[in-house]
C-alpha atoms as a PDB file:
ATOM      1  CA  UNK A   1     100.165  64.659  51.285  1.00  0.00           C
ATOM      2  CA  UNK A   2      98.355  63.056  53.938  1.00  0.00           C
ATOM      3  CA  UNK A   3      95.381  61.418  53.530  1.00  0.00           C
ATOM      4  CA  UNK A   4      92.546  62.514  55.357  1.00  0.00           C
ATOM      5  CA  UNK A   5      89.764  60.351  56.509  1.00  0.00           C
ATOM      6  CA  UNK A   6      86.677  61.679  57.229  1.00  0.00           C
ATOM      7  CA  UNK A   7      84.419  60.436  60.020  1.00  0.00           C
ATOM      8  CA  UNK A   8      81.261  59.184  59.058  1.00  0.00           C
ATOM      9  CA  UNK A   9      79.131  61.590  61.599  1.00  0.00           C
ATOM     10  CA  UNK A  10      81.499  64.609  59.641  1.00  0.00           C
ATOM     11  CA  UNK A  11      79.959  63.274  56.421  1.00  0.00           C
ATOM     12  CA  UNK A  12      76.510  63.347  57.623  1.00  0.00           C
ATOM     13  CA  UNK A  13      76.704  66.702  59.632  1.00  0.00           C
ATOM     14  CA  UNK A  14      78.070  67.978  56.276  1.00  0.00           C
ATOM     15  CA  UNK A  15      74.966  66.796  54.254  1.00  0.00           C
ATOM     16  CA  UNK A  16      72.575  67.788  56.668  1.00  0.00           C
ATOM     17  CA  UNK A  17      73.720  71.361  56.778  1.00  0.00           C
ATOM     18  CA  UNK A  18      73.734  71.897  52.910  1.00  0.00           C
ATOM     19  CA  UNK A  19      70.130  70.014  52.970  1.00  0.00           C
ATOM     20  CA  UNK A  20      69.522  73.107  55.389  1.00  0.00           C
ATOM     21  CA  UNK A  21      70.624  75.417  52.728  1.00  0.00           C
ATOM     22  CA  UNK A  22      69.045  74.047  50.101  1.00  0.00           C
ATOM     23  CA  UNK A  23      65.530  74.180  51.085  1.00  0.00           C
ATOM     24  CA  UNK A  24      66.142  77.811  52.598  1.00  0.00           C
ATOM     25  CA  UNK A  25      65.575  81.351  51.132  1.00  0.00           C
ATOM     26  CA  UNK A  26      68.372  84.005  51.614  1.00  0.00           C
ATOM     27  CA  UNK A  27      68.013  85.434  54.861  1.00  0.00           C
ATOM     28  CA  UNK A  28      66.277  82.498  56.644  1.00  0.00           C
ATOM     29  CA  UNK A  29      67.618  80.853  59.498  1.00  0.00           C
ATOM     30  CA  UNK A  30      69.324  77.570  59.982  1.00  0.00           C
ATOM     31  CA  UNK A  31      68.284  75.375  63.186  1.00  0.00           C
ATOM     32  CA  UNK A  32      70.381  76.317  66.325  1.00  0.00           C
ATOM     33  CA  UNK A  33      73.791  74.918  67.024  1.00  0.00           C
ATOM     34  CA  UNK A  34      72.282  72.864  69.757  1.00  0.00           C
ATOM     35  CA  UNK A  35      69.778  71.677  67.361  1.00  0.00           C
ATOM     36  CA  UNK A  36      72.254  70.253  64.891  1.00  0.00           C
ATOM     37  CA  UNK A  37      74.096  68.981  67.506  1.00  0.00           C
ATOM     38  CA  UNK A  38      70.806  66.678  68.324  1.00  0.00           C
ATOM     39  CA  UNK A  39      69.796  65.831  65.104  1.00  0.00           C
ATOM     40  CA  UNK A  40      73.168  64.816  64.063  1.00  0.00           C
ATOM     41  CA  UNK A  41      75.087  63.235  67.073  1.00  0.00           C
ATOM     42  CA  UNK A  42      77.647  65.492  66.732  1.00  0.00           C
ATOM     43  CA  UNK A  43      79.607  67.523  69.490  1.00  0.00           C
ATOM     44  CA  UNK A  44      79.722  71.606  69.566  1.00  0.00           C
ATOM     45  CA  UNK A  45      83.539  71.323  68.237  1.00  0.00           C
ATOM     46  CA  UNK A  46      82.430  69.747  64.887  1.00  0.00           C
ATOM     47  CA  UNK A  47      79.087  71.868  64.364  1.00  0.00           C
ATOM     48  CA  UNK A  48      81.398  75.008  64.784  1.00  0.00           C
ATOM     49  CA  UNK A  49      83.912  73.635  62.884  1.00  0.00           C
ATOM     50  CA  UNK A  50      81.956  73.418  59.571  1.00  0.00           C
ATOM     51  CA  UNK A  51      80.157  76.563  60.281  1.00  0.00           C
ATOM     52  CA  UNK A  52      83.643  78.256  60.195  1.00  0.00           C
ATOM     53  CA  UNK A  53      84.050  76.625  56.884  1.00  0.00           C
ATOM     54  CA  UNK A  54      80.641  77.911  55.360  1.00  0.00           C
ATOM     55  CA  UNK A  55      81.006  81.373  56.641  1.00  0.00           C
ATOM     56  CA  UNK A  56      84.579  81.634  55.147  1.00  0.00           C
ATOM     57  CA  UNK A  57      83.339  80.672  51.849  1.00  0.00           C
ATOM     58  CA  UNK A  58      80.570  82.937  52.148  1.00  0.00           C
ATOM     59  CA  UNK A  59      77.255  80.891  52.315  1.00  0.00           C
ATOM     60  CA  UNK A  60      76.134  81.660  55.681  1.00  0.00           C
ATOM     61  CA  UNK A  61      75.984  84.709  58.394  1.00  0.00           C
ATOM     62  CA  UNK A  62      76.593  83.811  61.792  1.00  0.00           C
ATOM     63  CA  UNK A  63      74.938  87.073  64.073  1.00  0.00           C
ATOM     64  CA  UNK A  64      75.348  86.928  67.829  1.00  0.00           C
ATOM     65  CA  UNK A  65      72.244  86.091  70.133  1.00  0.00           C
ATOM     66  CA  UNK A  66      70.077  85.981  67.015  1.00  0.00           C
ATOM     67  CA  UNK A  67      71.072  82.792  64.797  1.00  0.00           C
ATOM     68  CA  UNK A  68      72.688  81.377  61.573  1.00  0.00           C
ATOM     69  CA  UNK A  69      71.170  82.595  58.388  1.00  0.00           C
ATOM     70  CA  UNK A  70      71.487  81.949  54.682  1.00  0.00           C
ATOM     71  CA  UNK A  71      73.751  84.716  53.001  1.00  0.00           C
ATOM     72  CA  UNK A  72      72.051  86.710  50.409  1.00  0.00           C
ATOM     73  CA  UNK A  73      72.887  85.700  46.371  1.00  0.00           C
ATOM     74  CA  UNK A  74      73.443  82.103  46.852  1.00  0.00           C
ATOM     75  CA  UNK A  75      70.723  79.791  44.554  1.00  0.00           C
ATOM     76  CA  UNK A  76      70.329  76.356  44.831  1.00  0.00           C
ATOM     77  CA  UNK A  77      73.050  75.231  42.182  1.00  0.00           C
ATOM     78  CA  UNK A  78      75.517  76.742  44.219  1.00  0.00           C
ATOM     79  CA  UNK A  79      74.966  73.635  46.512  1.00  0.00           C
ATOM     80  CA  UNK A  80      74.032  70.556  44.241  1.00  0.00           C
ATOM     81  CA  UNK A  81      76.912  71.031  41.276  1.00  0.00           C
ATOM     82  CA  UNK A  82      76.273  67.294  40.671  1.00  0.00           C
ATOM     83  CA  UNK A  83      73.195  65.644  40.244  1.00  0.00           C
ATOM     84  CA  UNK A  84      73.903  61.323  40.929  1.00  0.00           C
ATOM     85  CA  UNK A  85      71.791  58.783  38.404  1.00  0.00           C
ATOM     86  CA  UNK A  86      71.685  55.735  40.509  1.00  0.00           C
ATOM     87  CA  UNK A  87      70.747  52.673  38.229  1.00  0.00           C
ATOM     88  CA  UNK A  88      69.312  49.580  40.426  1.00  0.00           C
ATOM     89  CA  UNK A  89      68.869  45.773  39.558  1.00  0.00           C
ATOM     90  CA  UNK A  90      70.903  46.159  36.162  1.00  0.00           C
ATOM     91  CA  UNK A  91      71.414  43.126  34.206  1.00  0.00           C
ATOM     92  CA  UNK A  92      73.963  44.554  31.141  1.00  0.00           C
ATOM     93  CA  UNK A  93      76.080  47.669  31.185  1.00  0.00           C
ATOM     94  CA  UNK A  94      74.544  50.491  29.918  1.00  0.00           C
ATOM     95  CA  UNK A  95      77.936  51.580  28.366  1.00  0.00           C
ATOM     96  CA  UNK A  96      77.536  48.423  26.223  1.00  0.00           C
ATOM     97  CA  UNK A  97      74.134  49.603  24.492  1.00  0.00           C
ATOM     98  CA  UNK A  98      74.548  52.295  21.661  1.00  0.00           C
ATOM     99  CA  UNK A  99      70.770  52.574  21.544  1.00  0.00           C
ATOM    100  CA  UNK A 100      67.792  51.509  23.906  1.00  0.00           C
ATOM    101  CA  UNK A 101      65.272  53.150  26.516  1.00  0.00           C
ATOM    102  CA  UNK A 102      67.678  53.926  29.284  1.00  0.00           C
ATOM    103  CA  UNK A 103      70.779  54.632  26.996  1.00  0.00           C
ATOM    104  CA  UNK A 104      68.484  57.462  25.346  1.00  0.00           C
ATOM    105  CA  UNK A 105      66.943  58.204  28.776  1.00  0.00           C
ATOM    106  CA  UNK A 106      70.766  59.021  29.961  1.00  0.00           C
ATOM    107  CA  UNK A 107      71.564  61.458  27.148  1.00  0.00           C
ATOM    108  CA  UNK A 108      68.151  63.075  27.626  1.00  0.00           C
ATOM    109  CA  UNK A 109      69.433  63.947  31.677  1.00  0.00           C
ATOM    110  CA  UNK A 110      72.827  64.828  30.412  1.00  0.00           C
ATOM    111  CA  UNK A 111      71.777  67.396  27.960  1.00  0.00           C
ATOM    112  CA  UNK A 112      69.107  68.954  30.576  1.00  0.00           C
ATOM    113  CA  UNK A 113      71.475  69.016  33.562  1.00  0.00           C
ATOM    114  CA  UNK A 114      74.801  70.592  31.055  1.00  0.00           C
ATOM    115  CA  UNK A 115      71.970  73.645  30.291  1.00  0.00           C
ATOM    116  CA  UNK A 116      71.693  73.589  34.101  1.00  0.00           C
ATOM    117  CA  UNK A 117      75.402  74.153  34.356  1.00  0.00           C
ATOM    118  CA  UNK A 118      75.540  71.147  36.572  1.00  0.00           C
ATOM    119  CA  UNK A 119      77.294  68.041  35.932  1.00  0.00           C
ATOM    120  CA  UNK A 120      76.079  64.491  35.885  1.00  0.00           C
ATOM    121  CA  UNK A 121      77.323  61.229  37.076  1.00  0.00           C
ATOM    122  CA  UNK A 122      75.919  57.629  36.385  1.00  0.00           C
ATOM    123  CA  UNK A 123      76.455  54.784  39.091  1.00  0.00           C
ATOM    124  CA  UNK A 124      75.162  51.053  37.956  1.00  0.00           C
ATOM    125  CA  UNK A 125      74.378  48.701  40.855  1.00  0.00           C
ATOM    126  CA  UNK A 126      73.739  44.880  39.549  1.00  0.00           C
ATOM    127  CA  UNK A 127      71.066  42.399  40.361  1.00  0.00           C
ATOM    128  CA  UNK A 128      71.970  41.610  43.741  1.00  0.00           C
ATOM    129  CA  UNK A 129      73.886  44.074  45.046  1.00  0.00           C
ATOM    130  CA  UNK A 130      73.990  44.461  48.682  1.00  0.00           C
ATOM    131  CA  UNK A 131      73.199  47.283  51.102  1.00  0.00           C
ATOM    132  CA  UNK A 132      76.568  47.989  51.647  1.00  0.00           C
ATOM    133  CA  UNK A 133      77.310  49.112  47.895  1.00  0.00           C
ATOM    134  CA  UNK A 134      74.764  51.523  48.375  1.00  0.00           C
ATOM    135  CA  UNK A 135      75.559  53.077  51.805  1.00  0.00           C
ATOM    136  CA  UNK A 136      78.782  53.659  50.320  1.00  0.00           C
ATOM    137  CA  UNK A 137      77.696  55.652  47.227  1.00  0.00           C
ATOM    138  CA  UNK A 138      75.143  57.251  49.700  1.00  0.00           C
ATOM    139  CA  UNK A 139      77.562  58.021  52.364  1.00  0.00           C
ATOM    140  CA  UNK A 140      80.024  60.065  50.032  1.00  0.00           C
ATOM    141  CA  UNK A 141      80.080  63.912  51.084  1.00  0.00           C
ATOM    142  CA  UNK A 142      80.167  65.173  47.476  1.00  0.00           C
ATOM    143  CA  UNK A 143      76.822  63.175  46.546  1.00  0.00           C
ATOM    144  CA  UNK A 144      73.723  65.352  47.309  1.00  0.00           C
ATOM    145  CA  UNK A 145      71.140  64.594  45.243  1.00  0.00           C
ATOM    146  CA  UNK A 146      70.123  61.983  42.926  1.00  0.00           C
ATOM    147  CA  UNK A 147      67.702  60.274  40.499  1.00  0.00           C
ATOM    148  CA  UNK A 148      67.177  56.491  41.530  1.00  0.00           C
ATOM    149  CA  UNK A 149      66.305  54.363  38.514  1.00  0.00           C
ATOM    150  CA  UNK A 150      64.839  51.240  39.100  1.00  0.00           C
ATOM    151  CA  UNK A 151      64.361  51.317  42.899  1.00  0.00           C
ATOM    152  CA  UNK A 152      64.059  47.916  44.275  1.00  0.00           C
ATOM    153  CA  UNK A 153      62.976  48.394  47.920  1.00  0.00           C
ATOM    154  CA  UNK A 154      61.986  50.734  50.837  1.00  0.00           C
ATOM    155  CA  UNK A 155      65.319  50.209  52.399  1.00  0.00           C
ATOM    156  CA  UNK A 156      66.960  52.182  49.982  1.00  0.00           C
ATOM    157  CA  UNK A 157      64.925  54.834  50.441  1.00  0.00           C
ATOM    158  CA  UNK A 158      65.385  54.962  54.482  1.00  0.00           C
ATOM    159  CA  UNK A 159      69.461  54.745  53.252  1.00  0.00           C
ATOM    160  CA  UNK A 160      68.854  58.028  50.847  1.00  0.00           C
ATOM    161  CA  UNK A 161      67.217  59.831  53.602  1.00  0.00           C
ATOM    162  CA  UNK A 162      69.735  58.360  56.819  1.00  0.00           C
ATOM    163  CA  UNK A 163      72.196  60.082  54.699  1.00  0.00           C
ATOM    164  CA  UNK A 164      70.661  63.352  53.980  1.00  0.00           C
ATOM    165  CA  UNK A 165      70.120  62.707  50.247  1.00  0.00           C
ATOM    166  CA  UNK A 166      67.444  64.909  48.168  1.00  0.00           C
ATOM    167  CA  UNK A 167      66.239  61.996  45.774  1.00  0.00           C
ATOM    168  CA  UNK A 168      63.762  61.139  43.595  1.00  0.00           C
ATOM    169  CA  UNK A 169      62.778  57.826  41.885  1.00  0.00           C
ATOM    170  CA  UNK A 170      62.483  57.316  38.349  1.00  0.00           C
ATOM    171  CA  UNK A 171      60.620  54.132  37.312  1.00  0.00           C
ATOM    172  CA  UNK A 172      60.992  51.870  40.508  1.00  0.00           C
ATOM    173  CA  UNK A 173      60.835  48.282  39.915  1.00  0.00           C
ATOM    174  CA  UNK A 174      59.494  45.729  42.777  1.00  0.00           C
ATOM    175  CA  UNK A 175      58.820  48.630  44.651  1.00  0.00           C
ATOM    176  CA  UNK A 176      56.471  51.478  44.736  1.00  0.00           C
ATOM    177  CA  UNK A 177      57.208  54.765  47.017  1.00  0.00           C
ATOM    178  CA  UNK A 178      54.137  56.838  48.122  1.00  0.00           C
ATOM    179  CA  UNK A 179      56.495  60.192  47.444  1.00  0.00           C
ATOM    180  CA  UNK A 180      58.860  61.786  44.988  1.00  0.00           C
ATOM    181  CA  UNK A 181      58.214  58.847  42.624  1.00  0.00           C
ATOM    182  CA  UNK A 182      57.611  59.198  38.777  1.00  0.00           C
ATOM    183  CA  UNK A 183      55.834  56.043  37.002  1.00  0.00           C
ATOM    184  CA  UNK A 184      54.639  55.077  33.824  1.00  0.00           C
ATOM    185  CA  UNK A 185      50.671  54.327  33.652  1.00  0.00           C
ATOM    186  CA  UNK A 186      51.054  50.105  32.752  1.00  0.00           C
ATOM    187  CA  UNK A 187      47.608  50.240  31.523  1.00  0.00           C
ATOM    188  CA  UNK A 188      47.642  53.423  29.063  1.00  0.00           C
ATOM    189  CA  UNK A 189      50.421  51.980  27.265  1.00  0.00           C
ATOM    190  CA  UNK A 190      48.906  48.478  26.412  1.00  0.00           C
ATOM    191  CA  UNK A 191      45.498  49.831  26.187  1.00  0.00           C
ATOM    192  CA  UNK A 192      46.709  52.171  23.468  1.00  0.00           C
ATOM    193  CA  UNK A 193      48.395  49.316  21.850  1.00  0.00           C
ATOM    194  CA  UNK A 194      45.276  47.198  22.234  1.00  0.00           C
ATOM    195  CA  UNK A 195      42.931  49.796  20.963  1.00  0.00           C
ATOM    196  CA  UNK A 196      44.515  50.497  17.875  1.00  0.00           C
ATOM    197  CA  UNK A 197      44.924  46.753  16.595  1.00  0.00           C
ATOM    198  CA  UNK A 198      41.326  46.467  17.522  1.00  0.00           C
ATOM    199  CA  UNK A 199      40.100  49.341  15.555  1.00  0.00           C
ATOM    200  CA  UNK A 200      41.743  47.825  12.806  1.00  0.00           C
ATOM    201  CA  UNK A 201      40.163  44.418  13.079  1.00  0.00           C
ATOM    202  CA  UNK A 202      42.669  42.311  14.702  1.00  0.00           C
ATOM    203  CA  UNK A 203      41.653  39.844  17.321  1.00  0.00           C
ATOM    204  CA  UNK A 204      44.467  37.064  17.497  1.00  0.00           C
ATOM    205  CA  UNK A 205      47.035  39.211  19.253  1.00  0.00           C
ATOM    206  CA  UNK A 206      50.718  38.020  20.394  1.00  0.00           C
ATOM    207  CA  UNK A 207      52.621  39.900  23.071  1.00  0.00           C
ATOM    208  CA  UNK A 208      56.465  39.519  23.377  1.00  0.00           C
ATOM    209  CA  UNK A 209      56.941  40.877  27.180  1.00  0.00           C
ATOM    210  CA  UNK A 210      60.656  41.506  28.392  1.00  0.00           C
ATOM    211  CA  UNK A 211      59.783  40.595  31.939  1.00  0.00           C
ATOM    212  CA  UNK A 212      63.167  38.982  33.626  1.00  0.00           C
ATOM    213  CA  UNK A 213      61.730  36.625  36.220  1.00  0.00           C
ATOM    214  CA  UNK A 214      65.089  37.592  38.194  1.00  0.00           C
ATOM    215  CA  UNK A 215      63.946  41.264  38.309  1.00  0.00           C
ATOM    216  CA  UNK A 216      60.009  41.568  38.626  1.00  0.00           C
ATOM    217  CA  UNK A 217      60.270  45.073  36.957  1.00  0.00           C
ATOM    218  CA  UNK A 218      57.021  46.601  38.144  1.00  0.00           C
ATOM    219  CA  UNK A 219      56.241  48.110  34.943  1.00  0.00           C
ATOM    220  CA  UNK A 220      56.773  45.305  32.762  1.00  0.00           C
ATOM    221  CA  UNK A 221      55.002  43.042  34.959  1.00  0.00           C
ATOM    222  CA  UNK A 222      52.061  45.211  34.845  1.00  0.00           C
ATOM    223  CA  UNK A 223      52.471  45.522  31.161  1.00  0.00           C
ATOM    224  CA  UNK A 224      51.731  41.826  30.753  1.00  0.00           C
ATOM    225  CA  UNK A 225      48.962  41.640  33.285  1.00  0.00           C
ATOM    226  CA  UNK A 226      47.582  44.470  31.647  1.00  0.00           C
ATOM    227  CA  UNK A 227      47.430  42.239  28.219  1.00  0.00           C
ATOM    228  CA  UNK A 228      45.797  39.274  29.424  1.00  0.00           C
ATOM    229  CA  UNK A 229      42.972  41.453  31.761  1.00  0.00           C
ATOM    230  CA  UNK A 230      42.077  43.638  28.541  1.00  0.00           C
ATOM    231  CA  UNK A 231      41.835  40.706  25.698  1.00  0.00           C
ATOM    232  CA  UNK A 232      39.872  38.851  28.188  1.00  0.00           C
ATOM    233  CA  UNK A 233      37.594  42.254  28.859  1.00  0.00           C
ATOM    234  CA  UNK A 234      37.263  42.157  25.205  1.00  0.00           C
ATOM    235  CA  UNK A 235      36.484  38.464  25.097  1.00  0.00           C
ATOM    236  CA  UNK A 236      39.353  37.560  23.343  1.00  0.00           C
ATOM    237  CA  UNK A 237      41.627  34.028  23.194  1.00  0.00           C
ATOM    238  CA  UNK A 238      44.904  34.474  24.081  1.00  0.00           C
ATOM    239  CA  UNK A 239      46.585  30.924  23.591  1.00  0.00           C
ATOM    240  CA  UNK A 240      49.531  30.015  25.566  1.00  0.00           C
ATOM    241  CA  UNK A 241      52.065  30.196  22.938  1.00  0.00           C
ATOM    242  CA  UNK A 242      51.133  34.180  21.742  1.00  0.00           C
ATOM    243  CA  UNK A 243      52.804  35.351  25.070  1.00  0.00           C
ATOM    244  CA  UNK A 244      56.541  34.604  25.424  1.00  0.00           C
ATOM    245  CA  UNK A 245      59.691  36.313  26.410  1.00  0.00           C
ATOM    246  CA  UNK A 246      61.394  38.718  23.937  1.00  0.00           C
ATOM    247  CA  UNK A 247      64.872  38.645  25.213  1.00  0.00           C
ATOM    248  CA  UNK A 248      67.140  41.142  24.588  1.00  0.00           C
ATOM    249  CA  UNK A 249      69.735  38.985  22.391  1.00  0.00           C
ATOM    250  CA  UNK A 250      69.126  37.998  19.050  1.00  0.00           C
ATOM    251  CA  UNK A 251      69.296  34.319  19.240  1.00  0.00           C
ATOM    252  CA  UNK A 252      67.242  33.616  22.355  1.00  0.00           C
ATOM    253  CA  UNK A 253      64.559  36.062  20.817  1.00  0.00           C
ATOM    254  CA  UNK A 254      64.442  33.990  17.533  1.00  0.00           C
ATOM    255  CA  UNK A 255      63.932  30.942  19.070  1.00  0.00           C
ATOM    256  CA  UNK A 256      61.161  32.247  21.489  1.00  0.00           C
ATOM    257  CA  UNK A 257      59.288  34.394  18.524  1.00  0.00           C
ATOM    258  CA  UNK A 258      59.457  31.333  16.247  1.00  0.00           C
ATOM    259  CA  UNK A 259      57.251  29.905  19.306  1.00  0.00           C
ATOM    260  CA  UNK A 260      54.346  32.318  18.195  1.00  0.00           C
ATOM    261  CA  UNK A 261      54.155  30.410  15.034  1.00  0.00           C
ATOM    262  CA  UNK A 262      54.485  27.128  15.815  1.00  0.00           C
ATOM    263  CA  UNK A 263      50.921  25.880  15.093  1.00  0.00           C
ATOM    264  CA  UNK A 264      47.776  27.235  13.535  1.00  0.00           C
ATOM    265  CA  UNK A 265      46.099  29.958  13.868  1.00  0.00           C
ATOM    266  CA  UNK A 266      49.053  32.289  13.625  1.00  0.00           C
ATOM    267  CA  UNK A 267      48.389  35.949  15.123  1.00  0.00           C
ATOM    268  CA  UNK A 268      47.421  38.704  12.962  1.00  0.00           C
ATOM    269  CA  UNK A 269      49.128  41.314  14.879  1.00  0.00           C
ATOM    270  CA  UNK A 270      52.258  41.052  17.676  1.00  0.00           C
ATOM    271  CA  UNK A 271      52.998  43.927  20.173  1.00  0.00           C
ATOM    272  CA  UNK A 272      57.384  43.255  21.153  1.00  0.00           C
ATOM    273  CA  UNK A 273      59.846  45.943  22.262  1.00  0.00           C
ATOM    274  CA  UNK A 274      61.338  47.983  20.314  1.00  0.00           C
ATOM    275  CA  UNK A 275      64.904  46.646  20.565  1.00  0.00           C
ATOM    276  CA  UNK A 276      63.049  43.432  18.933  1.00  0.00           C
ATOM    277  CA  UNK A 277      61.778  45.005  15.524  1.00  0.00           C
ATOM    278  CA  UNK A 278      64.725  44.083  13.425  1.00  0.00           C
ATOM    279  CA  UNK A 279      64.818  40.714  14.526  1.00  0.00           C
ATOM    280  CA  UNK A 280      60.964  40.317  14.259  1.00  0.00           C
ATOM    281  CA  UNK A 281      61.056  42.221  10.786  1.00  0.00           C
ATOM    282  CA  UNK A 282      63.857  39.906   9.546  1.00  0.00           C
ATOM    283  CA  UNK A 283      62.174  36.184  10.788  1.00  0.00           C
ATOM    284  CA  UNK A 284      58.923  37.511   8.848  1.00  0.00           C
ATOM    285  CA  UNK A 285      60.725  38.112   5.685  1.00  0.00           C
ATOM    286  CA  UNK A 286      62.179  34.904   5.806  1.00  0.00           C
ATOM    287  CA  UNK A 287      58.835  33.068   6.231  1.00  0.00           C
ATOM    288  CA  UNK A 288      57.422  35.455   3.373  1.00  0.00           C
ATOM    289  CA  UNK A 289      55.149  38.036   5.375  1.00  0.00           C
ATOM    290  CA  UNK A 290      55.118  41.599   5.006  1.00  0.00           C
ATOM    291  CA  UNK A 291      55.274  43.845   8.056  1.00  0.00           C
ATOM    292  CA  UNK A 292      52.106  46.203   7.854  1.00  0.00           C
ATOM    293  CA  UNK A 293      50.249  43.838   5.388  1.00  0.00           C
ATOM    294  CA  UNK A 294      50.639  40.370   6.220  1.00  0.00           C
ATOM    295  CA  UNK A 295      51.058  41.145   9.862  1.00  0.00           C
ATOM    296  CA  UNK A 296      50.854  44.040  12.091  1.00  0.00           C
ATOM    297  CA  UNK A 297      53.545  44.861  14.226  1.00  0.00           C
ATOM    298  CA  UNK A 298      53.407  47.344  17.217  1.00  0.00           C
ATOM    299  CA  UNK A 299      56.558  48.531  19.271  1.00  0.00           C
ATOM    300  CA  UNK A 300      57.031  50.217  22.482  1.00  0.00           C
ATOM    301  CA  UNK A 301      59.054  53.244  23.828  1.00  0.00           C
ATOM    302  CA  UNK A 302      59.353  54.950  20.080  1.00  0.00           C
ATOM    303  CA  UNK A 303      63.181  54.438  19.896  1.00  0.00           C
ATOM    304  CA  UNK A 304      65.129  56.447  17.547  1.00  0.00           C
ATOM    305  CA  UNK A 305      65.331  52.579  15.065  1.00  0.00           C
ATOM    306  CA  UNK A 306      61.597  52.485  15.418  1.00  0.00           C
ATOM    307  CA  UNK A 307      61.168  55.697  13.008  1.00  0.00           C
ATOM    308  CA  UNK A 308      64.084  54.401  10.690  1.00  0.00           C
ATOM    309  CA  UNK A 309      63.284  50.621  10.165  1.00  0.00           C
ATOM    310  CA  UNK A 310      61.698  49.899   6.695  1.00  0.00           C
ATOM    311  CA  UNK A 311      58.655  49.896   7.491  1.00  0.00           C
ATOM    312  CA  UNK A 312      58.633  52.610  10.364  1.00  0.00           C
ATOM    313  CA  UNK A 313      57.042  50.837  12.925  1.00  0.00           C
ATOM    314  CA  UNK A 314      53.819  52.125  14.949  1.00  0.00           C
ATOM    315  CA  UNK A 315      54.806  52.352  18.878  1.00  0.00           C
ATOM    316  CA  UNK A 316      54.261  53.580  21.823  1.00  0.00           C
ATOM    317  CA  UNK A 317      56.444  57.001  22.682  1.00  0.00           C
ATOM    318  CA  UNK A 318      57.364  56.843  26.264  1.00  0.00           C
ATOM    319  CA  UNK A 319      59.257  59.856  25.863  1.00  0.00           C
ATOM    320  CA  UNK A 320      62.669  60.035  27.483  1.00  0.00           C
ATOM    321  CA  UNK A 321      63.266  63.946  27.415  1.00  0.00           C
ATOM    322  CA  UNK A 322      60.248  64.332  29.191  1.00  0.00           C
ATOM    323  CA  UNK A 323      61.200  61.986  31.544  1.00  0.00           C
ATOM    324  CA  UNK A 324      64.048  63.512  31.985  1.00  0.00           C
ATOM    325  CA  UNK A 325      62.191  67.531  32.878  1.00  0.00           C
ATOM    326  CA  UNK A 326      59.844  65.561  35.214  1.00  0.00           C
ATOM    327  CA  UNK A 327      62.724  64.102  37.138  1.00  0.00           C
ATOM    328  CA  UNK A 328      64.660  67.218  37.437  1.00  0.00           C
ATOM    329  CA  UNK A 329      61.536  69.316  38.210  1.00  0.00           C
ATOM    330  CA  UNK A 330      60.274  67.110  40.989  1.00  0.00           C
ATOM    331  CA  UNK A 331      63.981  66.700  42.170  1.00  0.00           C
ATOM    332  CA  UNK A 332      64.092  70.469  42.562  1.00  0.00           C
ATOM    333  CA  UNK A 333      61.200  70.705  44.662  1.00  0.00           C
ATOM    334  CA  UNK A 334      62.636  68.163  47.171  1.00  0.00           C
ATOM    335  CA  UNK A 335      65.754  69.870  47.336  1.00  0.00           C
ATOM    336  CA  UNK A 336      63.851  73.209  48.143  1.00  0.00           C
ATOM    337  CA  UNK A 337      62.460  71.407  50.929  1.00  0.00           C
ATOM    338  CA  UNK A 338      58.821  70.775  49.875  1.00  0.00           C
ATOM    339  CA  UNK A 339      57.473  68.226  51.780  1.00  0.00           C
ATOM    340  CA  UNK A 340      55.252  65.076  50.678  1.00  0.00           C
ATOM    341  CA  UNK A 341      56.411  65.912  47.086  1.00  0.00           C
ATOM    342  CA  UNK A 342      52.882  63.296  45.395  1.00  0.00           C
ATOM    343  CA  UNK A 343      53.687  60.616  42.860  1.00  0.00           C
ATOM    344  CA  UNK A 344      53.487  62.060  39.102  1.00  0.00           C
ATOM    345  CA  UNK A 345      52.465  59.533  35.774  1.00  0.00           C
ATOM    346  CA  UNK A 346      54.734  60.154  32.724  1.00  0.00           C
ATOM    347  CA  UNK A 347      52.099  60.306  29.636  1.00  0.00           C
ATOM    348  CA  UNK A 348      52.505  58.231  26.974  1.00  0.00           C
ATOM    349  CA  UNK A 349      51.066  58.361  23.376  1.00  0.00           C
ATOM    350  CA  UNK A 350      50.917  56.165  20.355  1.00  0.00           C
ATOM    351  CA  UNK A 351      52.675  56.620  16.831  1.00  0.00           C
ATOM    352  CA  UNK A 352      50.887  55.099  14.065  1.00  0.00           C
ATOM    353  CA  UNK A 353      53.106  54.535  10.969  1.00  0.00           C
ATOM    354  CA  UNK A 354      53.209  51.737   8.490  1.00  0.00           C
ATOM    355  CA  UNK A 355      53.819  48.663  10.396  1.00  0.00           C
ATOM    356  CA  UNK A 356      49.934  48.549  11.107  1.00  0.00           C
ATOM    357  CA  UNK A 357      47.392  48.096   9.147  1.00  0.00           C
ATOM    358  CA  UNK A 358      44.101  45.968   8.799  1.00  0.00           C
ATOM    359  CA  UNK A 359      44.208  42.045   8.969  1.00  0.00           C
ATOM    360  CA  UNK A 360      43.744  40.132   5.777  1.00  0.00           C
END
């Protein structure tokens, strides 16, 4: 069987027409053949050929001297059988992590997409991937709707729009689009952690951030900045060795966590990422300190391990299931043709458990 290589314009024309169909209700009309030719820069023969294909599939009806219409009885899911999840700026392989915020987010999305009788594909792009890598993906004729996690800059939005993709941005990194985006309120996350500790009487608080300077992740940078600002507003001192990089590997974490306790006065509470909890607990036990009594620990993200560690960890819940629901609902609105879909914020909440208590 010969291999058929589609012309780039054929790919864009196919996505253009499917995007039009996704945005229309049954019996509504598509643009005219002449308008389609102008929008896609293709010949009438190419347009007529693809319209013949769509008519054979029962998706459209062509009425002489009246126009081209979407057929009755065909819902959006018919045109979007697959949701593509595109991860940008990755510094690790999602498949290598059995648990964590993003593996749990992917699992939540996969479950909900399956319930909608759709499929899901995950694409990972490492830090520093070229635009040509994204262009190759976005130009695939079978890629029509995607959730972009960790969006890096406006050029990716432009590329997605040029290829007639329906897209939403989930937790962007260095770039924040003004539309079709779901964000986490960094101030809300850190304020919830700090106010809980302040109400218990803590004033000496350390912060183990996970800002990878190679990436400059928007949410993580804003949280670190919020920690400094909110502590200053409260009139509380932050010693230089109390704010250090947490890391996602045990040995670097242990080295950096030890810096927090290099000299007195020691902090009475530490805020860190949930994946760091087991290592922090282990090191504190080695120092003869009891979590929740001698020192308070507050996590971030409410991963599964936070509830199952001993003692269970107080942490900020950034709900992955809710994030997945919001992303899919927003994508549905984009697919349906809604213009200027506004930015939304994912709600978070503090889950109080036994890892925090009054300072001794």
